[in-house]
Amino acid sequence: MTQTYDFREIRARLETEAEEDFKNFNSKIIPTAYPVLGVRTPTVRKLAKSAGEDYLEQSPAFYEEVLIHGITLGKFKTANELFSRIDTFLSFVDNWAAIDVPLSSMTAFKKDKENCLQKLKPFLFDKREFYARFGAVALLDYYIDSEHIDEVLRLYAQVEEGRYYTDMAVAWGLSVAAVKFFDKTYAALKSGLYGDFTTRKALSKCMDSFRIDAEQKQLLKQLRSNLRK
């Protein structure tokens, strides 16, 4: 049985596990206004397992505490439970990692998939950058499958462009879609459903992928060349 720690105990453990070198590394790649302690992600996840539900009633003061808040949401198994708490979590988020790291732990997307999708859609169209990124990354984490690929490609095309971290999330999602469903994704990219920036970034990610073969990359290369005209 996992021991439960309160907010102050978890903070003390975070401070104990902090590494100066990792703090310096994270501070360079994660643009956040929160102080960064420098605790490695596996340790953060382990501490999140010991956080009780009352942890969610506290406001984070450190970057790692935002992560723990988000990862703790993975304890909720239904769409209603999860989405009743998402707004509070997202109100703390000011960087891409605080979206991407916790999302992979949110098991409601697996346990209550269709209900989560319906509740997720409004986030894709939210004017707030990290709310929309939350929607875009959730699609790539949980919905790029044979049942949802057509809807995912359509939803990505409807996301408002012009916000860097949202655009990059959509491009990332399209590159994942291209690995799994190349023909459908290539057709969507070729048809001009997405803006130039998002399309270019998606094509760049595809060209860097080892899971897309040479013949497919030749098609993508031609498509990228056409964008320059």
C-alpha atoms as a PDB file:
ATOM      1  CA  MET A   1       0.000   0.000   0.000  1.00  0.00           C
ATOM      2  CA  THR A   2       1.357   3.401  -1.029  1.00  0.00           C
ATOM      3  CA  GLN A   3       1.928   5.765   1.871  1.00  0.00           C
ATOM      4  CA  THR A   4       0.166   9.120   1.565  1.00  0.00           C
ATOM      5  CA  TYR A   5       2.022  12.351   2.240  1.00  0.00           C
ATOM      6  CA  ASP A   6       0.577  15.794   2.704  1.00  0.00           C
ATOM      7  CA  PHE A   7       1.552  18.858   0.698  1.00  0.00           C
ATOM      8  CA  ARG A   8       4.333  19.967   3.060  1.00  0.00           C
ATOM      9  CA  GLU A   9       5.839  16.486   3.275  1.00  0.00           C
ATOM     10  CA  ILE A  10       5.950  16.176  -0.504  1.00  0.00           C
ATOM     11  CA  ARG A  11       7.570  19.596  -0.818  1.00  0.00           C
ATOM     12  CA  ALA A  12      10.221  18.558   1.690  1.00  0.00           C
ATOM     13  CA  ARG A  13      10.878  15.408  -0.307  1.00  0.00           C
ATOM     14  CA  LEU A  14      11.119  17.420  -3.531  1.00  0.00           C
ATOM     15  CA  GLU A  15      13.699  19.678  -1.921  1.00  0.00           C
ATOM     16  CA  THR A  16      15.658  16.643  -0.739  1.00  0.00           C
ATOM     17  CA  GLU A  17      15.649  15.098  -4.237  1.00  0.00           C
ATOM     18  CA  ALA A  18      16.619  18.322  -6.040  1.00  0.00           C
ATOM     19  CA  GLU A  19      19.757  18.226  -8.202  1.00  0.00           C
ATOM     20  CA  GLU A  20      21.541  21.456  -9.093  1.00  0.00           C
ATOM     21  CA  ASP A  21      22.747  20.234 -12.506  1.00  0.00           C
ATOM     22  CA  PHE A  22      19.279  19.033 -13.461  1.00  0.00           C
ATOM     23  CA  LYS A  23      17.799  22.308 -12.221  1.00  0.00           C
ATOM     24  CA  ASN A  24      20.118  24.220 -14.531  1.00  0.00           C
ATOM     25  CA  PHE A  25      19.268  21.936 -17.454  1.00  0.00           C
ATOM     26  CA  ASN A  26      15.502  22.200 -16.953  1.00  0.00           C
ATOM     27  CA  SER A  27      15.679  25.942 -16.440  1.00  0.00           C
ATOM     28  CA  LYS A  28      17.177  26.282 -19.926  1.00  0.00           C
ATOM     29  CA  ILE A  29      14.598  24.198 -21.797  1.00  0.00           C
ATOM     30  CA  ILE A  30      11.415  24.911 -19.831  1.00  0.00           C
ATOM     31  CA  PRO A  31      10.242  28.535 -19.978  1.00  0.00           C
ATOM     32  CA  THR A  32       8.386  28.879 -16.697  1.00  0.00           C
ATOM     33  CA  ALA A  33       7.909  31.614 -14.128  1.00  0.00           C
ATOM     34  CA  TYR A  34       7.914  28.991 -11.368  1.00  0.00           C
ATOM     35  CA  PRO A  35      11.178  28.281  -9.550  1.00  0.00           C
ATOM     36  CA  VAL A  36      12.614  24.949 -10.717  1.00  0.00           C
ATOM     37  CA  LEU A  37      13.979  22.627  -8.048  1.00  0.00           C
ATOM     38  CA  GLY A  38      15.638  20.143 -10.390  1.00  0.00           C
ATOM     39  CA  VAL A  39      13.853  16.889  -9.531  1.00  0.00           C
ATOM     40  CA  ARG A  40      13.905  14.184 -12.187  1.00  0.00           C
ATOM     41  CA  THR A  41      10.604  13.158 -13.739  1.00  0.00           C
ATOM     42  CA  PRO A  42      10.563   9.532 -12.458  1.00  0.00           C
ATOM     43  CA  THR A  43      10.972  10.862  -8.920  1.00  0.00           C
ATOM     44  CA  VAL A  44       8.218  13.427  -9.476  1.00  0.00           C
ATOM     45  CA  ARG A  45       5.909  10.650 -10.684  1.00  0.00           C
ATOM     46  CA  LYS A  46       6.765   8.506  -7.663  1.00  0.00           C
ATOM     47  CA  LEU A  47       5.962  11.361  -5.304  1.00  0.00           C
ATOM     48  CA  ALA A  48       2.699  12.035  -7.142  1.00  0.00           C
ATOM     49  CA  LYS A  49       1.613   8.482  -6.320  1.00  0.00           C
ATOM     50  CA  SER A  50       1.900   9.338  -2.652  1.00  0.00           C
ATOM     51  CA  ALA A  51      -0.102  12.568  -2.931  1.00  0.00           C
ATOM     52  CA  GLY A  52      -3.581  12.461  -1.460  1.00  0.00           C
ATOM     53  CA  GLU A  53      -6.569  14.104  -3.114  1.00  0.00           C
ATOM     54  CA  ASP A  54      -6.184  17.030  -0.715  1.00  0.00           C
ATOM     55  CA  TYR A  55      -2.950  17.861  -2.588  1.00  0.00           C
ATOM     56  CA  LEU A  56      -5.192  19.323  -5.288  1.00  0.00           C
ATOM     57  CA  GLU A  57      -6.478  21.933  -2.854  1.00  0.00           C
ATOM     58  CA  GLN A  58      -3.036  23.559  -2.603  1.00  0.00           C
ATOM     59  CA  SER A  59      -1.495  26.084  -4.984  1.00  0.00           C
ATOM     60  CA  PRO A  60       1.908  25.111  -6.368  1.00  0.00           C
ATOM     61  CA  ALA A  61       4.925  27.304  -5.749  1.00  0.00           C
ATOM     62  CA  PHE A  62       7.434  25.248  -7.768  1.00  0.00           C
ATOM     63  CA  TYR A  63       7.428  23.842 -11.298  1.00  0.00           C
ATOM     64  CA  GLU A  64       7.589  20.286  -9.966  1.00  0.00           C
ATOM     65  CA  GLU A  65       4.511  20.901  -7.820  1.00  0.00           C
ATOM     66  CA  VAL A  66       2.548  21.826 -10.947  1.00  0.00           C
ATOM     67  CA  LEU A  67       3.629  18.492 -12.430  1.00  0.00           C
ATOM     68  CA  ILE A  68       2.534  16.601  -9.323  1.00  0.00           C
ATOM     69  CA  HIS A  69      -0.844  18.353  -9.370  1.00  0.00           C
ATOM     70  CA  GLY A  70      -1.385  17.237 -12.971  1.00  0.00           C
ATOM     71  CA  ILE A  71      -0.077  13.696 -12.489  1.00  0.00           C
ATOM     72  CA  THR A  72      -2.319  13.287  -9.435  1.00  0.00           C
ATOM     73  CA  LEU A  73      -5.319  13.794 -11.733  1.00  0.00           C
ATOM     74  CA  GLY A  74      -4.458  10.387 -13.157  1.00  0.00           C
ATOM     75  CA  LYS A  75      -6.089   8.860 -10.077  1.00  0.00           C
ATOM     76  CA  PHE A  76      -9.524   9.799 -11.431  1.00  0.00           C
ATOM     77  CA  LYS A  77     -11.021   7.241 -13.788  1.00  0.00           C
ATOM     78  CA  THR A  78     -14.048   8.994 -15.301  1.00  0.00           C
ATOM     79  CA  ALA A  79     -14.433  11.995 -17.567  1.00  0.00           C
ATOM     80  CA  ASN A  80     -16.608  13.808 -15.024  1.00  0.00           C
ATOM     81  CA  GLU A  81     -14.078  13.358 -12.232  1.00  0.00           C
ATOM     82  CA  LEU A  82     -11.137  14.418 -14.376  1.00  0.00           C
ATOM     83  CA  PHE A  83     -12.687  17.380 -16.148  1.00  0.00           C
ATOM     84  CA  SER A  84     -14.183  18.811 -12.992  1.00  0.00           C
ATOM     85  CA  ARG A  85     -10.575  19.463 -11.938  1.00  0.00           C
ATOM     86  CA  ILE A  86      -8.851  20.285 -15.229  1.00  0.00           C
ATOM     87  CA  ASP A  87      -9.592  24.021 -15.184  1.00  0.00           C
ATOM     88  CA  THR A  88      -7.883  24.445 -11.825  1.00  0.00           C
ATOM     89  CA  PHE A  89      -4.845  22.523 -13.014  1.00  0.00           C
ATOM     90  CA  LEU A  90      -4.568  24.438 -16.287  1.00  0.00           C
ATOM     91  CA  SER A  91      -4.810  27.735 -14.439  1.00  0.00           C
ATOM     92  CA  PHE A  92      -1.394  26.882 -12.935  1.00  0.00           C
ATOM     93  CA  VAL A  93       0.239  25.909 -16.240  1.00  0.00           C
ATOM     94  CA  ASP A  94       2.617  28.308 -17.971  1.00  0.00           C
ATOM     95  CA  ASN A  95       4.817  25.961 -20.017  1.00  0.00           C
ATOM     96  CA  TRP A  96       4.676  23.034 -22.442  1.00  0.00           C
ATOM     97  CA  ALA A  97       6.169  20.417 -20.094  1.00  0.00           C
ATOM     98  CA  ALA A  98       3.480  20.939 -17.468  1.00  0.00           C
ATOM     99  CA  ILE A  99       0.998  19.797 -20.120  1.00  0.00           C
ATOM    100  CA  ASP A 100       2.949  17.003 -21.759  1.00  0.00           C
ATOM    101  CA  VAL A 101       4.296  15.208 -18.680  1.00  0.00           C
ATOM    102  CA  PRO A 102       1.038  14.890 -16.664  1.00  0.00           C
ATOM    103  CA  LEU A 103      -1.168  14.056 -19.662  1.00  0.00           C
ATOM    104  CA  SER A 104       0.395  10.641 -20.123  1.00  0.00           C
ATOM    105  CA  SER A 105      -0.759   9.743 -16.589  1.00  0.00           C
ATOM    106  CA  MET A 106      -4.412  10.777 -16.997  1.00  0.00           C
ATOM    107  CA  THR A 107      -5.984   7.329 -17.118  1.00  0.00           C
ATOM    108  CA  ALA A 108      -9.548   8.594 -17.543  1.00  0.00           C
ATOM    109  CA  PHE A 109      -8.702   9.038 -21.225  1.00  0.00           C
ATOM    110  CA  LYS A 110      -8.290   5.262 -21.404  1.00  0.00           C
ATOM    111  CA  LYS A 111     -11.034   4.238 -18.965  1.00  0.00           C
ATOM    112  CA  ASP A 112     -13.731   6.667 -20.203  1.00  0.00           C
ATOM    113  CA  LYS A 113     -12.439   7.453 -23.671  1.00  0.00           C
ATOM    114  CA  GLU A 114     -15.504   8.667 -25.555  1.00  0.00           C
ATOM    115  CA  ASN A 115     -16.839  10.826 -22.748  1.00  0.00           C
ATOM    116  CA  CYS A 116     -13.392  12.356 -22.315  1.00  0.00           C
ATOM    117  CA  LEU A 117     -13.236  13.163 -26.021  1.00  0.00           C
ATOM    118  CA  GLN A 118     -16.513  15.059 -25.903  1.00  0.00           C
ATOM    119  CA  LYS A 119     -15.359  17.072 -22.906  1.00  0.00           C
ATOM    120  CA  LEU A 120     -11.948  17.638 -24.486  1.00  0.00           C
ATOM    121  CA  LYS A 121     -13.146  19.236 -27.726  1.00  0.00           C
ATOM    122  CA  PRO A 122     -13.880  22.723 -26.309  1.00  0.00           C
ATOM    123  CA  PHE A 123     -10.296  22.957 -25.077  1.00  0.00           C
ATOM    124  CA  LEU A 124      -9.045  22.701 -28.663  1.00  0.00           C
ATOM    125  CA  PHE A 125     -10.859  25.913 -29.512  1.00  0.00           C
ATOM    126  CA  ASP A 126      -9.968  27.807 -26.349  1.00  0.00           C
ATOM    127  CA  LYS A 127      -8.205  31.140 -26.843  1.00  0.00           C
ATOM    128  CA  ARG A 128      -5.742  30.331 -24.047  1.00  0.00           C
ATOM    129  CA  GLU A 129      -2.604  28.799 -25.476  1.00  0.00           C
ATOM    130  CA  PHE A 130      -1.983  26.047 -22.951  1.00  0.00           C
ATOM    131  CA  TYR A 131      -5.646  25.062 -22.750  1.00  0.00           C
ATOM    132  CA  ALA A 132      -5.552  24.473 -26.506  1.00  0.00           C
ATOM    133  CA  ARG A 133      -2.227  22.654 -26.223  1.00  0.00           C
ATOM    134  CA  PHE A 134      -3.786  20.403 -23.606  1.00  0.00           C
ATOM    135  CA  GLY A 135      -6.444  19.448 -26.153  1.00  0.00           C
ATOM    136  CA  ALA A 136      -3.960  18.913 -28.972  1.00  0.00           C
ATOM    137  CA  VAL A 137      -1.574  16.757 -26.943  1.00  0.00           C
ATOM    138  CA  ALA A 138      -4.436  14.716 -25.481  1.00  0.00           C
ATOM    139  CA  LEU A 139      -5.523  13.868 -29.030  1.00  0.00           C
ATOM    140  CA  LEU A 140      -2.063  12.609 -29.974  1.00  0.00           C
ATOM    141  CA  ASP A 141      -1.656  10.673 -26.732  1.00  0.00           C
ATOM    142  CA  TYR A 142      -5.004   8.876 -26.788  1.00  0.00           C
ATOM    143  CA  TYR A 143      -6.949   9.242 -30.042  1.00  0.00           C
ATOM    144  CA  ILE A 144      -4.663   8.554 -32.990  1.00  0.00           C
ATOM    145  CA  ASP A 145      -6.210   5.177 -33.706  1.00  0.00           C
ATOM    146  CA  SER A 146      -8.319   3.640 -36.468  1.00  0.00           C
ATOM    147  CA  GLU A 147     -11.551   4.669 -34.796  1.00  0.00           C
ATOM    148  CA  HIS A 148     -10.675   8.334 -34.337  1.00  0.00           C
ATOM    149  CA  ILE A 149      -8.052   9.272 -36.956  1.00  0.00           C
ATOM    150  CA  ASP A 150     -10.482  11.026 -39.322  1.00  0.00           C
ATOM    151  CA  GLU A 151     -11.926  13.081 -36.494  1.00  0.00           C
ATOM    152  CA  VAL A 152      -8.491  13.911 -35.114  1.00  0.00           C
ATOM    153  CA  LEU A 153      -7.305  15.221 -38.489  1.00  0.00           C
ATOM    154  CA  ARG A 154     -10.474  17.294 -38.784  1.00  0.00           C
ATOM    155  CA  LEU A 155     -10.205  18.660 -35.241  1.00  0.00           C
ATOM    156  CA  TYR A 156      -6.570  19.641 -35.723  1.00  0.00           C
ATOM    157  CA  ALA A 157      -7.611  21.632 -38.797  1.00  0.00           C
ATOM    158  CA  GLN A 158     -10.037  23.639 -36.671  1.00  0.00           C
ATOM    159  CA  VAL A 159      -7.528  24.681 -34.010  1.00  0.00           C
ATOM    160  CA  GLU A 160      -6.796  28.407 -34.183  1.00  0.00           C
ATOM    161  CA  GLU A 161      -3.268  29.027 -35.402  1.00  0.00           C
ATOM    162  CA  GLY A 162      -0.736  31.650 -34.425  1.00  0.00           C
ATOM    163  CA  ARG A 163       0.177  30.402 -30.925  1.00  0.00           C
ATOM    164  CA  TYR A 164       3.561  28.731 -30.926  1.00  0.00           C
ATOM    165  CA  TYR A 165       3.038  26.005 -28.335  1.00  0.00           C
ATOM    166  CA  THR A 166      -0.375  25.101 -29.690  1.00  0.00           C
ATOM    167  CA  ASP A 167       0.847  25.046 -33.294  1.00  0.00           C
ATOM    168  CA  MET A 168       3.784  22.843 -32.309  1.00  0.00           C
ATOM    169  CA  ALA A 169       1.466  20.424 -30.517  1.00  0.00           C
ATOM    170  CA  VAL A 170      -0.721  20.119 -33.621  1.00  0.00           C
ATOM    171  CA  ALA A 171       2.373  19.598 -35.788  1.00  0.00           C
ATOM    172  CA  TRP A 172       3.590  16.919 -33.373  1.00  0.00           C
ATOM    173  CA  GLY A 173       0.187  15.245 -33.492  1.00  0.00           C
ATOM    174  CA  LEU A 174       0.181  15.270 -37.291  1.00  0.00           C
ATOM    175  CA  SER A 175       3.623  13.683 -37.372  1.00  0.00           C
ATOM    176  CA  VAL A 176       2.424  10.897 -35.070  1.00  0.00           C
ATOM    177  CA  ALA A 177      -0.645  10.468 -37.275  1.00  0.00           C
ATOM    178  CA  ALA A 178       1.614  10.207 -40.328  1.00  0.00           C
ATOM    179  CA  VAL A 179       3.535   7.332 -38.744  1.00  0.00           C
ATOM    180  CA  LYS A 180       0.363   5.386 -38.005  1.00  0.00           C
ATOM    181  CA  PHE A 181      -1.917   6.473 -40.853  1.00  0.00           C
ATOM    182  CA  PHE A 182       0.334   7.869 -43.539  1.00  0.00           C
ATOM    183  CA  ASP A 183      -2.081   7.974 -46.466  1.00  0.00           C
ATOM    184  CA  LYS A 184      -4.834   9.773 -44.561  1.00  0.00           C
ATOM    185  CA  THR A 185      -2.423  12.242 -42.974  1.00  0.00           C
ATOM    186  CA  TYR A 186      -0.565  12.914 -46.209  1.00  0.00           C
ATOM    187  CA  ALA A 187      -3.854  13.622 -47.972  1.00  0.00           C
ATOM    188  CA  ALA A 188      -4.855  16.041 -45.189  1.00  0.00           C
ATOM    189  CA  LEU A 189      -1.514  17.858 -45.341  1.00  0.00           C
ATOM    190  CA  LYS A 190      -1.591  18.016 -49.136  1.00  0.00           C
ATOM    191  CA  SER A 191      -5.116  19.421 -49.188  1.00  0.00           C
ATOM    192  CA  GLY A 192      -4.007  22.511 -47.267  1.00  0.00           C
ATOM    193  CA  LEU A 193      -6.157  21.920 -44.186  1.00  0.00           C
ATOM    194  CA  TYR A 194      -3.472  23.402 -41.949  1.00  0.00           C
ATOM    195  CA  GLY A 195      -1.578  26.689 -41.985  1.00  0.00           C
ATOM    196  CA  ASP A 196       1.896  26.976 -43.458  1.00  0.00           C
ATOM    197  CA  PHE A 197       3.722  27.094 -40.113  1.00  0.00           C
ATOM    198  CA  THR A 198       1.970  24.031 -38.733  1.00  0.00           C
ATOM    199  CA  THR A 199       2.364  22.142 -42.004  1.00  0.00           C
ATOM    200  CA  ARG A 200       6.071  22.943 -42.247  1.00  0.00           C
ATOM    201  CA  LYS A 201       6.710  21.855 -38.667  1.00  0.00           C
ATOM    202  CA  ALA A 202       4.704  18.657 -39.155  1.00  0.00           C
ATOM    203  CA  LEU A 203       6.655  17.839 -42.325  1.00  0.00           C
ATOM    204  CA  SER A 204       9.946  18.541 -40.563  1.00  0.00           C
ATOM    205  CA  LYS A 205       9.037  16.175 -37.731  1.00  0.00           C
ATOM    206  CA  CYS A 206       8.013  13.533 -40.267  1.00  0.00           C
ATOM    207  CA  MET A 207      11.293  13.865 -42.141  1.00  0.00           C
ATOM    208  CA  ASP A 208      13.173  13.306 -38.867  1.00  0.00           C
ATOM    209  CA  SER A 209      11.187  10.184 -38.011  1.00  0.00           C
ATOM    210  CA  PHE A 210      12.777   6.752 -38.362  1.00  0.00           C
ATOM    211  CA  ARG A 211       9.288   5.239 -38.614  1.00  0.00           C
ATOM    212  CA  ILE A 212       8.478   6.875 -41.941  1.00  0.00           C
ATOM    213  CA  ASP A 213      10.094   5.139 -44.896  1.00  0.00           C
ATOM    214  CA  ALA A 214      12.121   6.638 -47.752  1.00  0.00           C
ATOM    215  CA  GLU A 215       9.309   6.484 -50.289  1.00  0.00           C
ATOM    216  CA  GLN A 216       6.941   8.274 -47.949  1.00  0.00           C
ATOM    217  CA  LYS A 217       9.574  10.890 -47.148  1.00  0.00           C
ATOM    218  CA  GLN A 218      10.011  11.582 -50.850  1.00  0.00           C
ATOM    219  CA  LEU A 219       6.318  12.462 -51.077  1.00  0.00           C
ATOM    220  CA  LEU A 220       6.633  14.694 -48.036  1.00  0.00           C
ATOM    221  CA  LYS A 221       9.747  16.335 -49.427  1.00  0.00           C
ATOM    222  CA  GLN A 222       7.880  17.260 -52.600  1.00  0.00           C
ATOM    223  CA  LEU A 223       5.022  18.614 -50.535  1.00  0.00           C
ATOM    224  CA  ARG A 224       7.437  20.723 -48.501  1.00  0.00           C
ATOM    225  CA  SER A 225       9.045  21.990 -51.691  1.00  0.00           C
ATOM    226  CA  ASN A 226       5.648  23.067 -53.011  1.00  0.00           C
ATOM    227  CA  LEU A 227       5.075  25.160 -49.870  1.00  0.00           C
ATOM    228  CA  ARG A 228       8.039  27.354 -50.806  1.00  0.00           C
ATOM    229  CA  LYS A 229       6.486  28.330 -54.136  1.00  0.00           C
END
